[in-house]
């Protein structure tokens, strides 16, 4: 999710450089409710130390209203 968030952020910057205005959030779909909750929640958990930087980056982009996280079942 962090890699996708980074790519989305870069593409939005590139589009802005080309003069394309983006007024809506970019929807990021994930089949992991745990990943979404870690990215949305700023509480530090013992078991998430190894993904702290990734979670922080994704959380910052959610708070900056660059991306919006949404759950989608794996079957879809």
PDB file of N, CA and C in Angstrom:
ATOM      1  N   UNK A   1       0.820  -1.179   0.000  1.00  0.00           N
ATOM      2  CA  UNK A   1       0.000   0.000   0.000  1.00  0.00           C
ATOM      3  C   UNK A   1       0.876   1.259   0.000  1.00  0.00           C
ATOM      4  N   UNK A   2       1.990   1.207   0.720  1.00  0.00           N
ATOM      5  CA  UNK A   2       2.883   2.367   0.768  1.00  0.00           C
ATOM      6  C   UNK A   2       3.510   2.635  -0.600  1.00  0.00           C
ATOM      7  N   UNK A   3       3.885   1.579  -1.301  1.00  0.00           N
ATOM      8  CA  UNK A   3       4.467   1.748  -2.634  1.00  0.00           C
ATOM      9  C   UNK A   3       3.445   2.365  -3.593  1.00  0.00           C
ATOM     10  N   UNK A   4       2.228   1.895  -3.532  1.00  0.00           N
ATOM     11  CA  UNK A   4       1.175   2.443  -4.381  1.00  0.00           C
ATOM     12  C   UNK A   4       0.903   3.906  -4.028  1.00  0.00           C
ATOM     13  N   UNK A   5       0.893   4.227  -2.752  1.00  0.00           N
ATOM     14  CA  UNK A   5       0.680   5.605  -2.314  1.00  0.00           C
ATOM     15  C   UNK A   5       1.797   6.509  -2.831  1.00  0.00           C
ATOM     16  N   UNK A   6       3.023   6.023  -2.803  1.00  0.00           N
ATOM     17  CA  UNK A   6       4.149   6.783  -3.325  1.00  0.00           C
ATOM     18  C   UNK A   6       3.998   7.025  -4.827  1.00  0.00           C
ATOM     19  N   UNK A   7       3.592   5.996  -5.562  1.00  0.00           N
ATOM     20  CA  UNK A   7       3.394   6.127  -7.005  1.00  0.00           C
ATOM     21  C   UNK A   7       2.271   7.109  -7.323  1.00  0.00           C
ATOM     22  N   UNK A   8       1.187   7.038  -6.575  1.00  0.00           N
ATOM     23  CA  UNK A   8       0.059   7.947  -6.787  1.00  0.00           C
ATOM     24  C   UNK A   8       0.494   9.384  -6.532  1.00  0.00           C
ATOM     25  N   UNK A   9       1.229   9.601  -5.460  1.00  0.00           N
ATOM     26  CA  UNK A   9       1.707  10.940  -5.131  1.00  0.00           C
ATOM     27  C   UNK A   9       2.596  11.479  -6.246  1.00  0.00           C
ATOM     28  N   UNK A  10       3.509  10.657  -6.742  1.00  0.00           N
ATOM     29  CA  UNK A  10       4.406  11.083  -7.817  1.00  0.00           C
ATOM     30  C   UNK A  10       3.624  11.411  -9.091  1.00  0.00           C
ATOM     31  N   UNK A  11       2.648  10.559  -9.435  1.00  0.00           N
ATOM     32  CA  UNK A  11       1.857  10.803 -10.640  1.00  0.00           C
ATOM     33  C   UNK A  11       1.031  12.082 -10.524  1.00  0.00           C
ATOM     34  N   UNK A  12       0.513  12.350  -9.323  1.00  0.00           N
ATOM     35  CA  UNK A  12      -0.247  13.590  -9.123  1.00  0.00           C
ATOM     36  C   UNK A  12       0.663  14.804  -9.285  1.00  0.00           C
ATOM     37  N   UNK A  13       1.893  14.731  -8.752  1.00  0.00           N
ATOM     38  CA  UNK A  13       2.854  15.831  -8.930  1.00  0.00           C
ATOM     39  C   UNK A  13       3.193  16.015 -10.401  1.00  0.00           C
ATOM     40  N   UNK A  14       3.376  14.916 -11.113  1.00  0.00           N
ATOM     41  CA  UNK A  14       3.689  14.985 -12.538  1.00  0.00           C
ATOM     42  C   UNK A  14       2.551  15.642 -13.310  1.00  0.00           C
ATOM     43  N   UNK A  15       1.332  15.252 -13.020  1.00  0.00           N
ATOM     44  CA  UNK A  15       0.176  15.857 -13.692  1.00  0.00           C
ATOM     45  C   UNK A  15       0.074  17.343 -13.383  1.00  0.00           C
ATOM     46  N   UNK A  16       0.357  17.738 -12.145  1.00  0.00           N
ATOM     47  CA  UNK A  16       0.339  19.153 -11.800  1.00  0.00           C
ATOM     48  C   UNK A  16       1.407  19.924 -12.573  1.00  0.00           C
ATOM     49  N   UNK A  17       2.584  19.307 -12.784  1.00  0.00           N
ATOM     50  CA  UNK A  17       3.630  19.944 -13.580  1.00  0.00           C
ATOM     51  C   UNK A  17       3.192  20.153 -15.028  1.00  0.00           C
ATOM     52  N   UNK A  18       2.347  19.262 -15.526  1.00  0.00           N
ATOM     53  CA  UNK A  18       1.821  19.390 -16.880  1.00  0.00           C
ATOM     54  C   UNK A  18       0.624  20.336 -16.956  1.00  0.00           C
ATOM     55  N   UNK A  19       0.197  20.854 -15.809  1.00  0.00           N
ATOM     56  CA  UNK A  19      -0.914  21.802 -15.783  1.00  0.00           C
ATOM     57  C   UNK A  19      -2.279  21.176 -15.600  1.00  0.00           C
ATOM     58  N   UNK A  20      -2.326  19.900 -15.258  1.00  0.00           N
ATOM     59  CA  UNK A  20      -3.597  19.224 -15.032  1.00  0.00           C
ATOM     60  C   UNK A  20      -3.961  19.388 -13.564  1.00  0.00           C
ATOM     61  N   UNK A  21      -5.119  19.980 -13.293  1.00  0.00           N
ATOM     62  CA  UNK A  21      -5.528  20.162 -11.905  1.00  0.00           C
ATOM     63  C   UNK A  21      -6.298  18.931 -11.423  1.00  0.00           C
ATOM     64  N   UNK A  22      -5.974  18.496 -10.232  1.00  0.00           N
ATOM     65  CA  UNK A  22      -6.621  17.326  -9.642  1.00  0.00           C
ATOM     66  C   UNK A  22      -7.349  17.798  -8.392  1.00  0.00           C
ATOM     67  N   UNK A  23      -8.658  17.656  -8.396  1.00  0.00           N
ATOM     68  CA  UNK A  23      -9.449  18.157  -7.278  1.00  0.00           C
ATOM     69  C   UNK A  23     -10.021  17.051  -6.405  1.00  0.00           C
ATOM     70  N   UNK A  24      -9.907  15.810  -6.837  1.00  0.00           N
ATOM     71  CA  UNK A  24     -10.482  14.709  -6.072  1.00  0.00           C
ATOM     72  C   UNK A  24      -9.383  13.844  -5.466  1.00  0.00           C
ATOM     73  N   UNK A  25      -9.757  13.080  -4.468  1.00  0.00           N
ATOM     74  CA  UNK A  25      -8.838  12.131  -3.862  1.00  0.00           C
ATOM     75  C   UNK A  25      -8.653  10.939  -4.794  1.00  0.00           C
ATOM     76  N   UNK A  26      -7.503  10.316  -4.718  1.00  0.00           N
ATOM     77  CA  UNK A  26      -7.265   9.086  -5.467  1.00  0.00           C
ATOM     78  C   UNK A  26      -7.642   7.919  -4.581  1.00  0.00           C
ATOM     79  N   UNK A  27      -8.505   7.074  -5.066  1.00  0.00           N
ATOM     80  CA  UNK A  27      -8.991   5.939  -4.296  1.00  0.00           C
ATOM     81  C   UNK A  27      -7.996   4.792  -4.371  1.00  0.00           C
ATOM     82  N   UNK A  28      -7.571   4.301  -3.208  1.00  0.00           N
ATOM     83  CA  UNK A  28      -6.658   3.160  -3.116  1.00  0.00           C
ATOM     84  C   UNK A  28      -7.453   2.008  -2.519  1.00  0.00           C
ATOM     85  N   UNK A  29      -7.605   0.951  -3.276  1.00  0.00           N
ATOM     86  CA  UNK A  29      -8.362  -0.213  -2.831  1.00  0.00           C
ATOM     87  C   UNK A  29      -7.417  -1.241  -2.226  1.00  0.00           C
ATOM     88  N   UNK A  30      -7.848  -1.853  -1.129  1.00  0.00           N
ATOM     89  CA  UNK A  30      -7.041  -2.877  -0.470  1.00  0.00           C
ATOM     90  C   UNK A  30      -7.954  -3.962   0.068  1.00  0.00           C
ATOM     91  N   UNK A  31      -7.442  -5.179   0.060  1.00  0.00           N
ATOM     92  CA  UNK A  31      -8.213  -6.289   0.610  1.00  0.00           C
ATOM     93  C   UNK A  31      -7.800  -6.596   2.049  1.00  0.00           C
ATOM     94  N   UNK A  32      -6.987  -5.737   2.634  1.00  0.00           N
ATOM     95  CA  UNK A  32      -6.500  -5.954   3.992  1.00  0.00           C
ATOM     96  C   UNK A  32      -7.073  -4.897   4.929  1.00  0.00           C
ATOM     97  N   UNK A  33      -8.014  -5.317   5.759  1.00  0.00           N
ATOM     98  CA  UNK A  33      -8.587  -4.382   6.726  1.00  0.00           C
ATOM     99  C   UNK A  33      -7.553  -3.971   7.771  1.00  0.00           C
ATOM    100  N   UNK A  34      -6.611  -4.843   8.067  1.00  0.00           N
ATOM    101  CA  UNK A  34      -5.554  -4.524   9.030  1.00  0.00           C
ATOM    102  C   UNK A  34      -4.650  -3.431   8.482  1.00  0.00           C
ATOM    103  N   UNK A  35      -4.261  -3.535   7.225  1.00  0.00           N
ATOM    104  CA  UNK A  35      -3.402  -2.517   6.618  1.00  0.00           C
ATOM    105  C   UNK A  35      -4.108  -1.164   6.578  1.00  0.00           C
ATOM    106  N   UNK A  36      -5.389  -1.177   6.288  1.00  0.00           N
ATOM    107  CA  UNK A  36      -6.152   0.074   6.265  1.00  0.00           C
ATOM    108  C   UNK A  36      -6.241   0.678   7.653  1.00  0.00           C
ATOM    109  N   UNK A  37      -6.507  -0.137   8.664  1.00  0.00           N
ATOM    110  CA  UNK A  37      -6.619   0.401  10.018  1.00  0.00           C
ATOM    111  C   UNK A  37      -5.288   0.907  10.543  1.00  0.00           C
ATOM    112  N   UNK A  38      -4.179   0.258  10.207  1.00  0.00           N
ATOM    113  CA  UNK A  38      -2.859   0.733  10.625  1.00  0.00           C
ATOM    114  C   UNK A  38      -2.539   2.058   9.934  1.00  0.00           C
ATOM    115  N   UNK A  39      -2.912   2.179   8.671  1.00  0.00           N
ATOM    116  CA  UNK A  39      -2.642   3.412   7.938  1.00  0.00           C
ATOM    117  C   UNK A  39      -3.514   4.569   8.417  1.00  0.00           C
ATOM    118  N   UNK A  40      -4.693   4.280   8.914  1.00  0.00           N
ATOM    119  CA  UNK A  40      -5.594   5.332   9.392  1.00  0.00           C
ATOM    120  C   UNK A  40      -5.361   5.690  10.847  1.00  0.00           C
ATOM    121  N   UNK A  41      -4.898   4.749  11.649  1.00  0.00           N
ATOM    122  CA  UNK A  41      -4.774   4.940  13.092  1.00  0.00           C
ATOM    123  C   UNK A  41      -3.349   5.326  13.453  1.00  0.00           C
ATOM    124  N   UNK A  42      -3.191   6.382  14.212  1.00  0.00           N
ATOM    125  CA  UNK A  42      -1.848   6.846  14.571  1.00  0.00           C
ATOM    126  C   UNK A  42      -1.304   6.188  15.839  1.00  0.00           C
ATOM    127  N   UNK A  43      -2.029   5.239  16.394  1.00  0.00           N
ATOM    128  CA  UNK A  43      -1.575   4.544  17.594  1.00  0.00           C
ATOM    129  C   UNK A  43      -0.442   3.593  17.226  1.00  0.00           C
ATOM    130  N   UNK A  44       0.626   3.626  17.998  1.00  0.00           N
ATOM    131  CA  UNK A  44       1.751   2.719  17.754  1.00  0.00           C
ATOM    132  C   UNK A  44       1.415   1.347  18.333  1.00  0.00           C
ATOM    133  N   UNK A  45       1.623   0.326  17.557  1.00  0.00           N
ATOM    134  CA  UNK A  45       1.407  -1.036  17.988  1.00  0.00           C
ATOM    135  C   UNK A  45       2.753  -1.758  18.009  1.00  0.00           C
ATOM    136  N   UNK A  46       2.953  -2.628  18.967  1.00  0.00           N
ATOM    137  CA  UNK A  46       4.217  -3.370  19.079  1.00  0.00           C
ATOM    138  C   UNK A  46       4.491  -4.215  17.841  1.00  0.00           C
ATOM    139  N   UNK A  47       3.454  -4.785  17.273  1.00  0.00           N
ATOM    140  CA  UNK A  47       3.647  -5.702  16.154  1.00  0.00           C
ATOM    141  C   UNK A  47       3.840  -5.000  14.819  1.00  0.00           C
ATOM    142  N   UNK A  48       3.758  -3.673  14.788  1.00  0.00           N
ATOM    143  CA  UNK A  48       3.889  -2.960  13.528  1.00  0.00           C
ATOM    144  C   UNK A  48       5.160  -2.117  13.450  1.00  0.00           C
ATOM    145  N   UNK A  49       6.148  -2.415  14.285  1.00  0.00           N
ATOM    146  CA  UNK A  49       7.386  -1.636  14.262  1.00  0.00           C
ATOM    147  C   UNK A  49       8.089  -1.718  12.917  1.00  0.00           C
ATOM    148  N   UNK A  50       8.076  -2.893  12.294  1.00  0.00           N
ATOM    149  CA  UNK A  50       8.789  -3.095  11.041  1.00  0.00           C
ATOM    150  C   UNK A  50       8.158  -2.380   9.856  1.00  0.00           C
ATOM    151  N   UNK A  51       6.933  -1.911  10.002  1.00  0.00           N
ATOM    152  CA  UNK A  51       6.279  -1.194   8.905  1.00  0.00           C
ATOM    153  C   UNK A  51       5.993   0.249   9.288  1.00  0.00           C
ATOM    154  N   UNK A  52       6.666   0.760  10.278  1.00  0.00           N
ATOM    155  CA  UNK A  52       6.400   2.097  10.791  1.00  0.00           C
ATOM    156  C   UNK A  52       6.549   3.196   9.760  1.00  0.00           C
ATOM    157  N   UNK A  53       7.614   3.174   8.984  1.00  0.00           N
ATOM    158  CA  UNK A  53       7.847   4.221   7.984  1.00  0.00           C
ATOM    159  C   UNK A  53       6.798   4.157   6.887  1.00  0.00           C
ATOM    160  N   UNK A  54       6.494   2.960   6.416  1.00  0.00           N
ATOM    161  CA  UNK A  54       5.480   2.806   5.377  1.00  0.00           C
ATOM    162  C   UNK A  54       4.116   3.272   5.863  1.00  0.00           C
ATOM    163  N   UNK A  55       3.757   2.878   7.073  1.00  0.00           N
ATOM    164  CA  UNK A  55       2.463   3.277   7.631  1.00  0.00           C
ATOM    165  C   UNK A  55       2.410   4.784   7.829  1.00  0.00           C
ATOM    166  N   UNK A  56       3.517   5.377   8.273  1.00  0.00           N
ATOM    167  CA  UNK A  56       3.554   6.820   8.474  1.00  0.00           C
ATOM    168  C   UNK A  56       3.361   7.561   7.157  1.00  0.00           C
ATOM    169  N   UNK A  57       4.030   7.112   6.105  1.00  0.00           N
ATOM    170  CA  UNK A  57       3.909   7.757   4.794  1.00  0.00           C
ATOM    171  C   UNK A  57       2.476   7.663   4.270  1.00  0.00           C
ATOM    172  N   UNK A  58       1.892   6.493   4.353  1.00  0.00           N
ATOM    173  CA  UNK A  58       0.518   6.315   3.877  1.00  0.00           C
ATOM    174  C   UNK A  58      -0.439   7.148   4.709  1.00  0.00           C
ATOM    175  N   UNK A  59      -0.252   7.146   6.028  1.00  0.00           N
ATOM    176  CA  UNK A  59      -1.105   7.930   6.922  1.00  0.00           C
ATOM    177  C   UNK A  59      -0.994   9.423   6.603  1.00  0.00           C
ATOM    178  N   UNK A  60       0.215   9.903   6.307  1.00  0.00           N
ATOM    179  CA  UNK A  60       0.405  11.315   5.980  1.00  0.00           C
ATOM    180  C   UNK A  60      -0.336  11.683   4.699  1.00  0.00           C
ATOM    181  N   UNK A  61      -0.334  10.801   3.717  1.00  0.00           N
ATOM    182  CA  UNK A  61      -1.030  11.081   2.464  1.00  0.00           C
ATOM    183  C   UNK A  61      -2.544  11.024   2.637  1.00  0.00           C
ATOM    184  N   UNK A  62      -3.019  10.163   3.538  1.00  0.00           N
ATOM    185  CA  UNK A  62      -4.458  10.118   3.836  1.00  0.00           C
ATOM    186  C   UNK A  62      -4.871  11.415   4.521  1.00  0.00           C
ATOM    187  N   UNK A  63      -4.078  11.868   5.495  1.00  0.00           N
ATOM    188  CA  UNK A  63      -4.398  13.094   6.213  1.00  0.00           C
ATOM    189  C   UNK A  63      -4.286  14.325   5.322  1.00  0.00           C
ATOM    190  N   UNK A  64      -3.388  14.291   4.349  1.00  0.00           N
ATOM    191  CA  UNK A  64      -3.241  15.397   3.397  1.00  0.00           C
ATOM    192  C   UNK A  64      -4.306  15.351   2.305  1.00  0.00           C
ATOM    193  N   UNK A  65      -5.172  14.385   2.363  1.00  0.00           N
ATOM    194  CA  UNK A  65      -6.262  14.177   1.409  1.00  0.00           C
ATOM    195  C   UNK A  65      -5.754  14.018  -0.021  1.00  0.00           C
ATOM    196  N   UNK A  66      -4.693  13.231  -0.133  1.00  0.00           N
ATOM    197  CA  UNK A  66      -4.183  12.858  -1.453  1.00  0.00           C
ATOM    198  C   UNK A  66      -4.821  11.539  -1.870  1.00  0.00           C
ATOM    199  N   UNK A  67      -4.886  10.592  -0.939  1.00  0.00           N
ATOM    200  CA  UNK A  67      -5.482   9.287  -1.216  1.00  0.00           C
ATOM    201  C   UNK A  67      -6.582   8.997  -0.209  1.00  0.00           C
ATOM    202  N   UNK A  68      -7.497   8.144  -0.610  1.00  0.00           N
ATOM    203  CA  UNK A  68      -8.547   7.634   0.269  1.00  0.00           C
ATOM    204  C   UNK A  68      -8.468   6.117   0.235  1.00  0.00           C
ATOM    205  N   UNK A  69      -8.480   5.498   1.393  1.00  0.00           N
ATOM    206  CA  UNK A  69      -8.367   4.043   1.481  1.00  0.00           C
ATOM    207  C   UNK A  69      -9.748   3.424   1.558  1.00  0.00           C
ATOM    208  N   UNK A  70      -9.942   2.344   0.821  1.00  0.00           N
ATOM    209  CA  UNK A  70     -11.225   1.655   0.826  1.00  0.00           C
ATOM    210  C   UNK A  70     -10.993   0.158   0.772  1.00  0.00           C
ATOM    211  N   UNK A  71     -11.777  -0.571   1.539  1.00  0.00           N
ATOM    212  CA  UNK A  71     -11.694  -2.026   1.557  1.00  0.00           C
ATOM    213  C   UNK A  71     -12.456  -2.593   0.359  1.00  0.00           C
ATOM    214  N   UNK A  72     -11.871  -3.606  -0.248  1.00  0.00           N
ATOM    215  CA  UNK A  72     -12.539  -4.364  -1.299  1.00  0.00           C
ATOM    216  C   UNK A  72     -12.232  -5.833  -1.058  1.00  0.00           C
ATOM    217  N   UNK A  73     -13.242  -6.699  -1.054  1.00  0.00           N
ATOM    218  CA  UNK A  73     -12.991  -8.123  -0.810  1.00  0.00           C
ATOM    219  C   UNK A  73     -12.100  -8.729  -1.894  1.00  0.00           C
ATOM    220  N   UNK A  74     -11.347  -9.744  -1.523  1.00  0.00           N
ATOM    221  CA  UNK A  74     -10.427 -10.391  -2.458  1.00  0.00           C
ATOM    222  C   UNK A  74     -11.150 -10.989  -3.662  1.00  0.00           C
ATOM    223  N   UNK A  75     -12.377 -11.411  -3.471  1.00  0.00           N
ATOM    224  CA  UNK A  75     -13.120 -12.022  -4.564  1.00  0.00           C
ATOM    225  C   UNK A  75     -13.373 -11.036  -5.696  1.00  0.00           C
ATOM    226  N   UNK A  76     -13.407  -9.758  -5.376  1.00  0.00           N
ATOM    227  CA  UNK A  76     -13.678  -8.750  -6.416  1.00  0.00           C
ATOM    228  C   UNK A  76     -12.398  -8.291  -7.033  1.00  0.00           C
TER     229      UNK A  76
END
